[in-house]
PDB file of N, CA and C in Angstrom:
ATOM      1  N   UNK A   1       0.830  -1.179   0.000  1.00  0.00           N
ATOM      2  CA  UNK A   1       0.000   0.000   0.000  1.00  0.00           C
ATOM      3  C   UNK A   1       0.875   1.242   0.000  1.00  0.00           C
ATOM      4  N   UNK A   2       0.362   2.287  -0.607  1.00  0.00           N
ATOM      5  CA  UNK A   2       1.090   3.543  -0.691  1.00  0.00           C
ATOM      6  C   UNK A   2       0.186   4.668  -0.204  1.00  0.00           C
ATOM      7  N   UNK A   3       0.632   5.341   0.834  1.00  0.00           N
ATOM      8  CA  UNK A   3      -0.116   6.473   1.367  1.00  0.00           C
ATOM      9  C   UNK A   3       0.696   7.733   1.118  1.00  0.00           C
ATOM     10  N   UNK A   4       0.080   8.704   0.541  1.00  0.00           N
ATOM     11  CA  UNK A   4       0.790   9.966   0.302  1.00  0.00           C
ATOM     12  C   UNK A   4      -0.009  11.120   0.897  1.00  0.00           C
ATOM     13  N   UNK A   5       0.723  12.097   1.351  1.00  0.00           N
ATOM     14  CA  UNK A   5       0.066  13.298   1.848  1.00  0.00           C
ATOM     15  C   UNK A   5      -0.307  14.171   0.674  1.00  0.00           C
ATOM     16  N   UNK A   6      -1.506  14.691   0.716  1.00  0.00           N
ATOM     17  CA  UNK A   6      -1.926  15.604  -0.334  1.00  0.00           C
ATOM     18  C   UNK A   6      -1.241  16.940  -0.099  1.00  0.00           C
ATOM     19  N   UNK A   7      -0.752  17.523  -1.154  1.00  0.00           N
ATOM     20  CA  UNK A   7      -0.124  18.828  -1.021  1.00  0.00           C
ATOM     21  C   UNK A   7      -1.216  19.882  -0.875  1.00  0.00           C
ATOM     22  N   UNK A   8      -1.039  20.716   0.098  1.00  0.00           N
ATOM     23  CA  UNK A   8      -2.016  21.778   0.332  1.00  0.00           C
ATOM     24  C   UNK A   8      -1.663  22.990  -0.512  1.00  0.00           C
ATOM     25  N   UNK A   9      -2.679  23.576  -1.110  1.00  0.00           N
ATOM     26  CA  UNK A   9      -2.460  24.782  -1.879  1.00  0.00           C
ATOM     27  C   UNK A   9      -2.273  25.951  -0.920  1.00  0.00           C
ATOM     28  N   UNK A  10      -1.376  26.876  -1.234  1.00  0.00           N
ATOM     29  CA  UNK A  10      -1.192  28.030  -0.347  1.00  0.00           C
ATOM     30  C   UNK A  10      -2.450  28.906  -0.353  1.00  0.00           C
ATOM     31  N   UNK A  11      -2.769  29.466   0.803  1.00  0.00           N
ATOM     32  CA  UNK A  11      -3.936  30.338   0.913  1.00  0.00           C
ATOM     33  C   UNK A  11      -3.658  31.665   0.233  1.00  0.00           C
ATOM     34  N   UNK A  12      -4.655  32.158  -0.465  1.00  0.00           N
ATOM     35  CA  UNK A  12      -4.536  33.459  -1.113  1.00  0.00           C
ATOM     36  C   UNK A  12      -4.632  34.542  -0.052  1.00  0.00           C
ATOM     37  N   UNK A  13      -3.645  35.443  -0.007  1.00  0.00           N
ATOM     38  CA  UNK A  13      -3.644  36.530   0.962  1.00  0.00           C
ATOM     39  C   UNK A  13      -3.744  37.860   0.247  1.00  0.00           C
ATOM     40  N   UNK A  14      -4.319  38.839   0.937  1.00  0.00           N
ATOM     41  CA  UNK A  14      -4.426  40.185   0.388  1.00  0.00           C
ATOM     42  C   UNK A  14      -4.283  41.188   1.528  1.00  0.00           C
ATOM     43  N   UNK A  15      -3.866  42.425   1.228  1.00  0.00           N
ATOM     44  CA  UNK A  15      -3.802  43.447   2.275  1.00  0.00           C
ATOM     45  C   UNK A  15      -5.222  43.728   2.787  1.00  0.00           C
ATOM     46  N   UNK A  16      -5.397  43.644   4.096  1.00  0.00           N
ATOM     47  CA  UNK A  16      -6.714  43.763   4.712  1.00  0.00           C
ATOM     48  C   UNK A  16      -6.690  44.843   5.782  1.00  0.00           C
ATOM     49  N   UNK A  17      -7.717  45.687   5.809  1.00  0.00           N
ATOM     50  CA  UNK A  17      -7.830  46.689   6.870  1.00  0.00           C
ATOM     51  C   UNK A  17      -8.160  46.006   8.191  1.00  0.00           C
ATOM     52  N   UNK A  18      -7.419  46.356   9.232  1.00  0.00           N
ATOM     53  CA  UNK A  18      -7.646  45.794  10.559  1.00  0.00           C
ATOM     54  C   UNK A  18      -7.608  46.907  11.596  1.00  0.00           C
ATOM     55  N   UNK A  19      -8.196  46.636  12.746  1.00  0.00           N
ATOM     56  CA  UNK A  19      -8.079  47.488  13.924  1.00  0.00           C
ATOM     57  C   UNK A  19      -7.060  46.835  14.844  1.00  0.00           C
ATOM     58  N   UNK A  20      -6.034  47.588  15.267  1.00  0.00           N
ATOM     59  CA  UNK A  20      -5.015  47.080  16.173  1.00  0.00           C
ATOM     60  C   UNK A  20      -5.054  47.888  17.463  1.00  0.00           C
ATOM     61  N   UNK A  21      -4.803  47.210  18.578  1.00  0.00           N
ATOM     62  CA  UNK A  21      -4.806  47.876  19.881  1.00  0.00           C
ATOM     63  C   UNK A  21      -3.648  48.869  19.945  1.00  0.00           C
ATOM     64  N   UNK A  22      -3.897  50.052  20.504  1.00  0.00           N
ATOM     65  CA  UNK A  22      -2.861  51.077  20.601  1.00  0.00           C
ATOM     66  C   UNK A  22      -1.895  50.822  21.759  1.00  0.00           C
ATOM     67  N   UNK A  23      -2.257  49.958  22.693  1.00  0.00           N
ATOM     68  CA  UNK A  23      -1.379  49.606  23.809  1.00  0.00           C
ATOM     69  C   UNK A  23      -0.284  48.666  23.298  1.00  0.00           C
ATOM     70  N   UNK A  24       0.985  49.036  23.493  1.00  0.00           N
ATOM     71  CA  UNK A  24       2.095  48.238  22.965  1.00  0.00           C
ATOM     72  C   UNK A  24       2.185  46.857  23.600  1.00  0.00           C
ATOM     73  N   UNK A  25       1.691  46.682  24.818  1.00  0.00           N
ATOM     74  CA  UNK A  25       1.741  45.397  25.490  1.00  0.00           C
ATOM     75  C   UNK A  25       0.633  44.445  25.076  1.00  0.00           C
ATOM     76  N   UNK A  26      -0.366  44.934  24.366  1.00  0.00           N
ATOM     77  CA  UNK A  26      -1.512  44.125  23.955  1.00  0.00           C
ATOM     78  C   UNK A  26      -1.362  43.740  22.484  1.00  0.00           C
ATOM     79  N   UNK A  27      -1.633  42.494  22.155  1.00  0.00           N
ATOM     80  CA  UNK A  27      -1.495  42.002  20.779  1.00  0.00           C
ATOM     81  C   UNK A  27      -2.831  41.854  20.062  1.00  0.00           C
ATOM     82  N   UNK A  28      -3.900  42.385  20.631  1.00  0.00           N
ATOM     83  CA  UNK A  28      -5.240  42.220  20.082  1.00  0.00           C
ATOM     84  C   UNK A  28      -5.403  42.988  18.765  1.00  0.00           C
ATOM     85  N   UNK A  29      -6.104  42.357  17.807  1.00  0.00           N
ATOM     86  CA  UNK A  29      -6.465  43.001  16.552  1.00  0.00           C
ATOM     87  C   UNK A  29      -7.718  42.326  16.011  1.00  0.00           C
ATOM     88  N   UNK A  30      -8.425  43.009  15.113  1.00  0.00           N
ATOM     89  CA  UNK A  30      -9.610  42.434  14.460  1.00  0.00           C
ATOM     90  C   UNK A  30      -9.749  43.024  13.066  1.00  0.00           C
ATOM     91  N   UNK A  31     -10.360  42.246  12.200  1.00  0.00           N
ATOM     92  CA  UNK A  31     -10.613  42.731  10.843  1.00  0.00           C
ATOM     93  C   UNK A  31     -11.618  43.876  10.901  1.00  0.00           C
ATOM     94  N   UNK A  32     -11.426  44.857  10.029  1.00  0.00           N
ATOM     95  CA  UNK A  32     -12.306  46.015   9.993  1.00  0.00           C
ATOM     96  C   UNK A  32     -13.739  45.616   9.660  1.00  0.00           C
ATOM     97  N   UNK A  33     -13.940  44.712   8.715  1.00  0.00           N
ATOM     98  CA  UNK A  33     -15.302  44.361   8.313  1.00  0.00           C
ATOM     99  C   UNK A  33     -15.971  43.374   9.274  1.00  0.00           C
ATOM    100  N   UNK A  34     -15.288  42.964  10.342  1.00  0.00           N
ATOM    101  CA  UNK A  34     -15.899  42.114  11.355  1.00  0.00           C
ATOM    102  C   UNK A  34     -16.112  42.865  12.676  1.00  0.00           C
ATOM    103  N   UNK A  35     -15.823  44.153  12.719  1.00  0.00           N
ATOM    104  CA  UNK A  35     -16.042  44.916  13.947  1.00  0.00           C
ATOM    105  C   UNK A  35     -17.485  45.410  13.989  1.00  0.00           C
ATOM    106  N   UNK A  36     -18.013  45.559  15.202  1.00  0.00           N
ATOM    107  CA  UNK A  36     -19.405  45.967  15.373  1.00  0.00           C
ATOM    108  C   UNK A  36     -19.560  47.471  15.562  1.00  0.00           C
ATOM    109  N   UNK A  37     -18.462  48.170  15.856  1.00  0.00           N
ATOM    110  CA  UNK A  37     -18.534  49.603  16.128  1.00  0.00           C
ATOM    111  C   UNK A  37     -17.752  50.386  15.084  1.00  0.00           C
ATOM    112  N   UNK A  38     -18.085  51.664  14.960  1.00  0.00           N
ATOM    113  CA  UNK A  38     -17.383  52.536  14.019  1.00  0.00           C
ATOM    114  C   UNK A  38     -15.917  52.715  14.431  1.00  0.00           C
ATOM    115  N   UNK A  39     -15.669  52.961  15.711  1.00  0.00           N
ATOM    116  CA  UNK A  39     -14.314  53.026  16.261  1.00  0.00           C
ATOM    117  C   UNK A  39     -14.289  52.153  17.517  1.00  0.00           C
ATOM    118  N   UNK A  40     -13.898  50.892  17.385  1.00  0.00           N
ATOM    119  CA  UNK A  40     -13.965  49.957  18.512  1.00  0.00           C
ATOM    120  C   UNK A  40     -12.894  50.203  19.573  1.00  0.00           C
ATOM    121  N   UNK A  41     -13.161  49.687  20.767  1.00  0.00           N
ATOM    122  CA  UNK A  41     -12.161  49.656  21.825  1.00  0.00           C
ATOM    123  C   UNK A  41     -11.693  48.211  21.965  1.00  0.00           C
ATOM    124  N   UNK A  42     -10.499  48.045  22.484  1.00  0.00           N
ATOM    125  CA  UNK A  42      -9.926  46.713  22.611  1.00  0.00           C
ATOM    126  C   UNK A  42     -10.759  45.875  23.580  1.00  0.00           C
ATOM    127  N   UNK A  43     -11.193  44.684  23.168  1.00  0.00           N
ATOM    128  CA  UNK A  43     -12.005  43.849  24.056  1.00  0.00           C
ATOM    129  C   UNK A  43     -11.191  43.239  25.197  1.00  0.00           C
ATOM    130  N   UNK A  44      -9.865  43.265  25.098  1.00  0.00           N
ATOM    131  CA  UNK A  44      -9.021  42.671  26.131  1.00  0.00           C
ATOM    132  C   UNK A  44      -8.602  43.704  27.177  1.00  0.00           C
ATOM    133  N   UNK A  45      -8.001  44.827  26.732  1.00  0.00           N
ATOM    134  CA  UNK A  45      -7.479  45.809  27.696  1.00  0.00           C
ATOM    135  C   UNK A  45      -8.266  47.119  27.702  1.00  0.00           C
ATOM    136  N   UNK A  46      -9.271  47.259  26.841  1.00  0.00           N
ATOM    137  CA  UNK A  46     -10.162  48.425  26.762  1.00  0.00           C
ATOM    138  C   UNK A  46      -9.444  49.708  26.354  1.00  0.00           C
ATOM    139  N   UNK A  47      -8.329  49.601  25.635  1.00  0.00           N
ATOM    140  CA  UNK A  47      -7.634  50.769  25.084  1.00  0.00           C
ATOM    141  C   UNK A  47      -8.250  51.122  23.736  1.00  0.00           C
ATOM    142  N   UNK A  48      -7.879  52.279  23.219  1.00  0.00           N
ATOM    143  CA  UNK A  48      -8.347  52.680  21.892  1.00  0.00           C
ATOM    144  C   UNK A  48      -7.679  51.808  20.837  1.00  0.00           C
ATOM    145  N   UNK A  49      -8.348  51.641  19.704  1.00  0.00           N
ATOM    146  CA  UNK A  49      -7.786  50.860  18.604  1.00  0.00           C
ATOM    147  C   UNK A  49      -7.545  51.784  17.419  1.00  0.00           C
ATOM    148  N   UNK A  50      -6.518  51.488  16.636  1.00  0.00           N
ATOM    149  CA  UNK A  50      -6.161  52.300  15.482  1.00  0.00           C
ATOM    150  C   UNK A  50      -6.193  51.429  14.229  1.00  0.00           C
ATOM    151  N   UNK A  51      -6.473  52.057  13.071  1.00  0.00           N
ATOM    152  CA  UNK A  51      -6.531  51.323  11.805  1.00  0.00           C
ATOM    153  C   UNK A  51      -5.126  51.021  11.310  1.00  0.00           C
ATOM    154  N   UNK A  52      -4.984  49.862  10.679  1.00  0.00           N
ATOM    155  CA  UNK A  52      -3.724  49.429  10.102  1.00  0.00           C
ATOM    156  C   UNK A  52      -4.053  48.403   9.021  1.00  0.00           C
ATOM    157  N   UNK A  53      -3.056  47.879   8.336  1.00  0.00           N
ATOM    158  CA  UNK A  53      -3.279  46.833   7.347  1.00  0.00           C
ATOM    159  C   UNK A  53      -2.384  45.641   7.655  1.00  0.00           C
ATOM    160  N   UNK A  54      -2.851  44.448   7.277  1.00  0.00           N
ATOM    161  CA  UNK A  54      -2.110  43.197   7.425  1.00  0.00           C
ATOM    162  C   UNK A  54      -2.364  42.341   6.201  1.00  0.00           C
ATOM    163  N   UNK A  55      -1.406  41.485   5.902  1.00  0.00           N
ATOM    164  CA  UNK A  55      -1.592  40.491   4.852  1.00  0.00           C
ATOM    165  C   UNK A  55      -2.289  39.294   5.485  1.00  0.00           C
ATOM    166  N   UNK A  56      -3.559  39.064   5.113  1.00  0.00           N
ATOM    167  CA  UNK A  56      -4.368  38.010   5.707  1.00  0.00           C
ATOM    168  C   UNK A  56      -5.046  37.168   4.641  1.00  0.00           C
ATOM    169  N   UNK A  57      -5.389  35.930   4.963  1.00  0.00           N
ATOM    170  CA  UNK A  57      -6.161  35.120   4.005  1.00  0.00           C
ATOM    171  C   UNK A  57      -7.501  35.778   3.703  1.00  0.00           C
ATOM    172  N   UNK A  58      -7.977  35.567   2.505  1.00  0.00           N
ATOM    173  CA  UNK A  58      -9.223  36.182   2.048  1.00  0.00           C
ATOM    174  C   UNK A  58     -10.402  35.540   2.760  1.00  0.00           C
ATOM    175  N   UNK A  59     -11.246  36.350   3.389  1.00  0.00           N
ATOM    176  CA  UNK A  59     -12.491  35.923   4.011  1.00  0.00           C
ATOM    177  C   UNK A  59     -13.589  36.869   3.565  1.00  0.00           C
ATOM    178  N   UNK A  60     -14.812  36.385   3.531  1.00  0.00           N
ATOM    179  CA  UNK A  60     -15.920  37.276   3.196  1.00  0.00           C
ATOM    180  C   UNK A  60     -16.902  37.292   4.364  1.00  0.00           C
ATOM    181  N   UNK A  61     -17.388  38.480   4.666  1.00  0.00           N
ATOM    182  CA  UNK A  61     -18.376  38.684   5.708  1.00  0.00           C
ATOM    183  C   UNK A  61     -19.691  39.010   5.022  1.00  0.00           C
ATOM    184  N   UNK A  62     -20.629  38.087   5.042  1.00  0.00           N
ATOM    185  CA  UNK A  62     -21.879  38.251   4.314  1.00  0.00           C
ATOM    186  C   UNK A  62     -22.991  38.883   5.137  1.00  0.00           C
ATOM    187  N   UNK A  63     -22.707  39.294   6.357  1.00  0.00           N
ATOM    188  CA  UNK A  63     -23.740  39.937   7.170  1.00  0.00           C
ATOM    189  C   UNK A  63     -23.843  41.395   6.775  1.00  0.00           C
ATOM    190  N   UNK A  64     -25.028  41.914   6.786  1.00  0.00           N
ATOM    191  CA  UNK A  64     -25.217  43.332   6.452  1.00  0.00           C
ATOM    192  C   UNK A  64     -25.445  44.114   7.728  1.00  0.00           C
ATOM    193  N   UNK A  65     -24.884  45.292   7.761  1.00  0.00           N
ATOM    194  CA  UNK A  65     -25.024  46.145   8.955  1.00  0.00           C
ATOM    195  C   UNK A  65     -25.876  47.324   8.649  1.00  0.00           C
TER     196      UNK A  65
END
């Protein structure tokens, strides 16, 4: 018998808008299109969050706000 591992295709990534915590000690971040508020606060340390970009796998958010 011959068992082989299937090769996984690399995930497609694109620059994505995210909210990042402004506190340097906190690593919390969230995608912009998955946040519930116009300007969110960090759910972990309750600091202000700032906009930034990251290279992330492509996801779609089909909920309408």
